[in-house]
Amino acid sequence: MIRAAAVTLLSLMSAGFAAATPMECAKTSRVPVKFICEDATLEGLDKEETRLADLAASGMGMTAAQKKDLSQSQASFRKTLAACRDAKPCLQRTLIERIYRLRQAYADVRSKDAEGTSLGPFIASCPGLDGLLEVTFVNVAPALAFLSWRDRSAVLQQGLAASGARYTGAFGEGEAQFWNKGEQATLELPGRPPLNCKMQEVGAPSTAPR
């Protein structure tokens, strides 16, 4: 059974994320963007992406071709990240999307979730939505959710909710909202009525990271 994201993410907090000083962060970060080390949210995302990339690279049974694909995709990711310079929305989206791609594509990166801050991707079936919704949660401060379906995606931030977990963020010309409590979830997109969704277990790896 799937627990509410707010409750599930609390289990990750036991592992914790101790924010490093900018100098400490600069020594461990493998991306050429110093601004990341000056922002706790970005530093947390960077640390989790690095952890997942290491797990993917050390995965058992990877062929030479798969290792090459991973290396190339990591290089492309870092180039995209560097191009963001000090634009926090760009840095945040690039980092959390990379976390989603790694978790989606490599089973090994999901093998030690108690040591990290991310969960997912969970699959949500939302009748009326043109495709299955994939949801990845990252427990930084504030907690974030990355939603992806077909060729669309959104980065949402956790806010106050009477029960369960509620995430909101810009989408198109308006705002997207996602609530979940256990297996039940609701997705709201600009100009559309709320969609009732059902969350499923973490999906098996599918395509390689893009």
Protein backbone atom coordinates (compact mmCIF):
# COMPACT_ATOMS: atom_id res chain seq x y z
CA MET A 1 0.00 0.00 0.00
CA ILE A 2 1.14 3.52 -0.72
CA ARG A 3 1.22 5.92 2.20
CA ALA A 4 0.51 9.63 1.94
CA ALA A 5 3.49 11.47 0.54
CA ALA A 6 3.72 13.67 3.63
CA VAL A 7 3.92 10.59 5.85
CA THR A 8 6.19 8.66 3.54
CA LEU A 9 8.63 11.53 3.25
CA LEU A 10 8.91 11.72 7.02
CA SER A 11 10.62 8.33 6.92
CA LEU A 12 13.32 9.87 4.75
CA MET A 13 13.88 12.64 7.25
CA SER A 14 15.35 10.11 9.67
CA ALA A 15 18.28 9.83 7.26
CA GLY A 16 18.29 13.60 7.24
CA PHE A 17 20.06 16.12 5.12
CA ALA A 18 22.61 18.17 7.00
CA ALA A 19 23.26 21.32 5.04
CA ALA A 20 26.93 21.86 4.34
CA THR A 21 28.61 25.23 4.30
CA PRO A 22 29.16 26.75 0.82
CA MET A 23 32.85 25.83 1.08
CA GLU A 24 32.09 22.20 2.00
CA CYS A 25 29.48 21.98 -0.74
CA ALA A 26 31.87 23.34 -3.35
CA LYS A 27 34.33 20.57 -2.52
CA THR A 28 31.80 17.77 -2.99
CA SER A 29 29.53 19.12 -5.74
CA ARG A 30 30.37 17.84 -9.19
CA VAL A 31 28.62 20.59 -11.11
CA PRO A 32 30.28 23.91 -12.06
CA VAL A 33 27.61 26.13 -10.52
CA LYS A 34 28.68 27.82 -7.26
CA PHE A 35 25.20 29.30 -6.74
CA ILE A 36 23.94 25.81 -5.86
CA CYS A 37 26.11 25.83 -2.74
CA GLU A 38 24.51 29.06 -1.53
CA ASP A 39 20.95 27.71 -1.54
CA ALA A 40 19.83 24.91 0.79
CA THR A 41 17.15 23.61 -1.61
CA LEU A 42 19.50 23.43 -4.57
CA GLU A 43 22.29 21.93 -2.47
CA GLY A 44 19.90 19.21 -1.28
CA LEU A 45 18.86 18.40 -4.85
CA ASP A 46 22.48 18.35 -5.99
CA LYS A 47 23.47 16.00 -3.17
CA GLU A 48 20.62 13.60 -3.95
CA GLU A 49 21.34 13.64 -7.70
CA THR A 50 24.98 12.82 -6.99
CA ARG A 51 23.98 9.93 -4.70
CA LEU A 52 21.64 8.47 -7.32
CA ALA A 53 24.16 8.86 -10.14
CA ASP A 54 26.76 6.99 -8.08
CA LEU A 55 24.29 4.16 -7.43
CA ALA A 56 23.45 3.97 -11.13
CA ALA A 57 27.13 3.88 -12.12
CA SER A 58 27.91 1.10 -9.63
CA GLY A 59 24.89 -1.00 -10.61
CA MET A 60 25.41 -4.71 -11.10
CA GLY A 61 25.08 -6.14 -14.58
CA MET A 62 25.51 -2.91 -16.52
CA THR A 63 26.90 -3.45 -19.99
CA ALA A 64 29.62 -1.29 -21.50
CA ALA A 65 27.01 0.34 -23.73
CA GLN A 66 24.77 1.15 -20.76
CA LYS A 67 27.69 2.65 -18.85
CA LYS A 68 28.55 4.78 -21.88
CA ASP A 69 24.93 5.97 -22.17
CA LEU A 70 24.89 6.89 -18.48
CA SER A 71 28.17 8.79 -18.79
CA GLN A 72 26.92 10.71 -21.82
CA SER A 73 23.58 11.55 -20.21
CA GLN A 74 25.36 12.78 -17.07
CA ALA A 75 27.63 14.99 -19.17
CA SER A 76 24.60 16.42 -20.98
CA PHE A 77 22.85 17.05 -17.66
CA ARG A 78 25.83 18.94 -16.25
CA LYS A 79 26.09 21.06 -19.40
CA THR A 80 22.41 21.96 -19.12
CA LEU A 81 22.83 22.77 -15.44
CA ALA A 82 25.82 25.01 -16.08
CA ALA A 83 23.83 26.90 -18.71
CA CYS A 84 21.32 27.87 -16.01
CA ARG A 85 24.00 29.98 -14.32
CA ASP A 86 22.38 31.53 -11.21
CA ALA A 87 18.73 31.18 -12.27
CA LYS A 88 17.20 29.18 -9.40
CA PRO A 89 14.03 27.99 -11.26
CA CYS A 90 16.20 26.59 -14.07
CA LEU A 91 18.66 24.96 -11.66
CA GLN A 92 15.85 23.48 -9.55
CA ARG A 93 13.97 22.06 -12.54
CA THR A 94 17.12 20.61 -14.12
CA LEU A 95 18.19 18.91 -10.88
CA ILE A 96 14.81 17.44 -9.93
CA GLU A 97 14.15 16.24 -13.47
CA ARG A 98 17.52 14.47 -13.46
CA ILE A 99 16.61 12.82 -10.15
CA TYR A 100 13.37 11.62 -11.75
CA ARG A 101 15.18 10.31 -14.86
CA LEU A 102 17.71 8.37 -12.81
CA ARG A 103 15.03 6.86 -10.55
CA GLN A 104 12.92 5.98 -13.57
CA ALA A 105 15.65 4.27 -15.55
CA TYR A 106 17.82 2.43 -13.02
CA ALA A 107 16.48 0.01 -10.42
CA ASP A 108 19.74 0.20 -8.45
CA VAL A 109 19.20 3.86 -7.60
CA ARG A 110 16.00 2.88 -5.75
CA SER A 111 17.75 0.23 -3.68
CA LYS A 112 18.86 2.50 -0.82
CA ASP A 113 16.03 5.01 -0.45
CA ALA A 114 16.39 5.13 3.34
CA GLU A 115 19.76 6.83 2.81
CA GLY A 116 18.44 9.57 0.55
CA THR A 117 15.70 12.14 0.17
CA SER A 118 13.78 11.02 -2.93
CA LEU A 119 10.97 8.55 -3.63
CA GLY A 120 9.34 7.35 -6.83
CA PRO A 121 8.44 7.60 -9.53
CA PHE A 122 4.95 6.57 -8.48
CA ILE A 123 2.42 5.98 -11.20
CA ALA A 124 -0.95 7.74 -10.98
CA SER A 125 -3.87 6.84 -13.19
CA CYS A 126 -6.03 9.94 -13.69
CA PRO A 127 -9.08 9.37 -15.94
CA GLY A 128 -9.31 12.35 -18.28
CA LEU A 129 -5.56 12.94 -18.42
CA ASP A 130 -3.86 12.10 -21.71
CA GLY A 131 -1.45 9.53 -20.30
CA LEU A 132 -0.25 8.05 -17.03
CA LEU A 133 1.15 10.52 -14.51
CA GLU A 134 4.54 9.81 -12.93
CA VAL A 135 5.25 11.49 -9.60
CA THR A 136 8.64 11.79 -7.88
CA PHE A 137 9.00 13.33 -4.41
CA VAL A 138 12.17 14.92 -3.02
CA ASN A 139 12.35 15.88 0.64
CA VAL A 140 14.39 19.07 0.48
CA ALA A 141 13.32 22.27 2.22
CA PRO A 142 10.62 22.85 1.10
CA ALA A 143 9.67 19.41 -0.21
CA LEU A 144 9.15 19.20 -3.98
CA ALA A 145 7.25 16.96 -6.38
CA PHE A 146 8.09 16.43 -10.04
CA LEU A 147 5.08 15.48 -12.20
CA SER A 148 5.56 14.08 -15.69
CA TRP A 149 3.10 12.82 -18.32
CA ARG A 150 3.59 12.45 -22.05
CA ASP A 151 5.66 15.50 -23.09
CA ARG A 152 4.61 17.65 -20.14
CA SER A 153 6.03 18.17 -16.69
CA ALA A 154 5.72 20.43 -13.65
CA VAL A 155 7.74 21.16 -10.52
CA LEU A 156 5.50 21.67 -7.50
CA GLN A 157 6.29 22.77 -3.96
CA GLN A 158 4.66 21.35 -0.83
CA GLY A 159 2.36 23.66 1.08
CA LEU A 160 -0.09 23.49 3.93
CA ALA A 161 -2.88 20.89 3.77
CA ALA A 162 -5.57 19.79 6.20
CA SER A 163 -4.63 16.17 5.50
CA GLY A 164 -2.36 14.29 3.14
CA ALA A 165 0.13 16.30 1.11
CA ARG A 166 -0.56 19.25 -1.18
CA TYR A 167 1.83 20.56 -3.82
CA THR A 168 1.42 23.64 -6.03
CA GLY A 169 3.42 25.29 -8.78
CA ALA A 170 3.30 27.26 -11.99
CA PHE A 171 2.05 25.45 -15.08
CA GLY A 172 1.41 27.14 -18.39
CA GLU A 173 -0.54 30.34 -17.81
CA GLY A 174 -1.77 29.28 -14.39
CA GLU A 175 -1.10 26.97 -11.48
CA ALA A 176 -1.11 23.19 -11.08
CA GLN A 177 -2.06 21.53 -7.81
CA PHE A 178 -1.57 17.94 -6.69
CA TRP A 179 -2.93 16.42 -3.48
CA ASN A 180 -2.39 12.88 -2.34
CA LYS A 181 -3.40 10.85 0.68
CA GLY A 182 -2.52 7.19 0.53
CA GLU A 183 -3.50 5.75 -2.85
CA GLN A 184 -5.91 8.58 -3.62
CA ALA A 185 -4.81 11.78 -5.34
CA THR A 186 -6.28 14.82 -7.07
CA LEU A 187 -4.69 16.73 -9.93
CA GLU A 188 -5.80 20.23 -10.90
CA LEU A 189 -4.54 21.91 -14.08
CA PRO A 190 -5.38 25.41 -15.32
CA GLY A 191 -8.72 25.60 -17.10
CA ARG A 192 -9.67 22.00 -16.35
CA PRO A 193 -11.87 20.38 -13.70
CA PRO A 194 -10.11 18.42 -10.93
CA LEU A 195 -9.05 14.90 -11.88
CA ASN A 196 -9.32 12.05 -9.40
CA CYS A 197 -6.28 9.80 -9.54
CA LYS A 198 -5.18 6.50 -8.06
CA MET A 199 -1.56 6.06 -7.08
CA GLN A 200 0.20 2.78 -7.84
CA GLU A 201 3.46 1.19 -6.76
CA VAL A 202 6.77 2.42 -8.12
CA GLY A 203 6.99 1.56 -11.80
CA ALA A 204 9.69 -0.63 -13.26
CA PRO A 205 12.52 1.09 -15.13
CA SER A 206 11.57 1.89 -18.69
CA THR A 207 13.44 4.22 -21.05
CA ALA A 208 16.97 5.45 -20.59
CA PRO A 209 17.37 8.93 -19.09
CA ARG A 210 17.03 11.79 -21.50
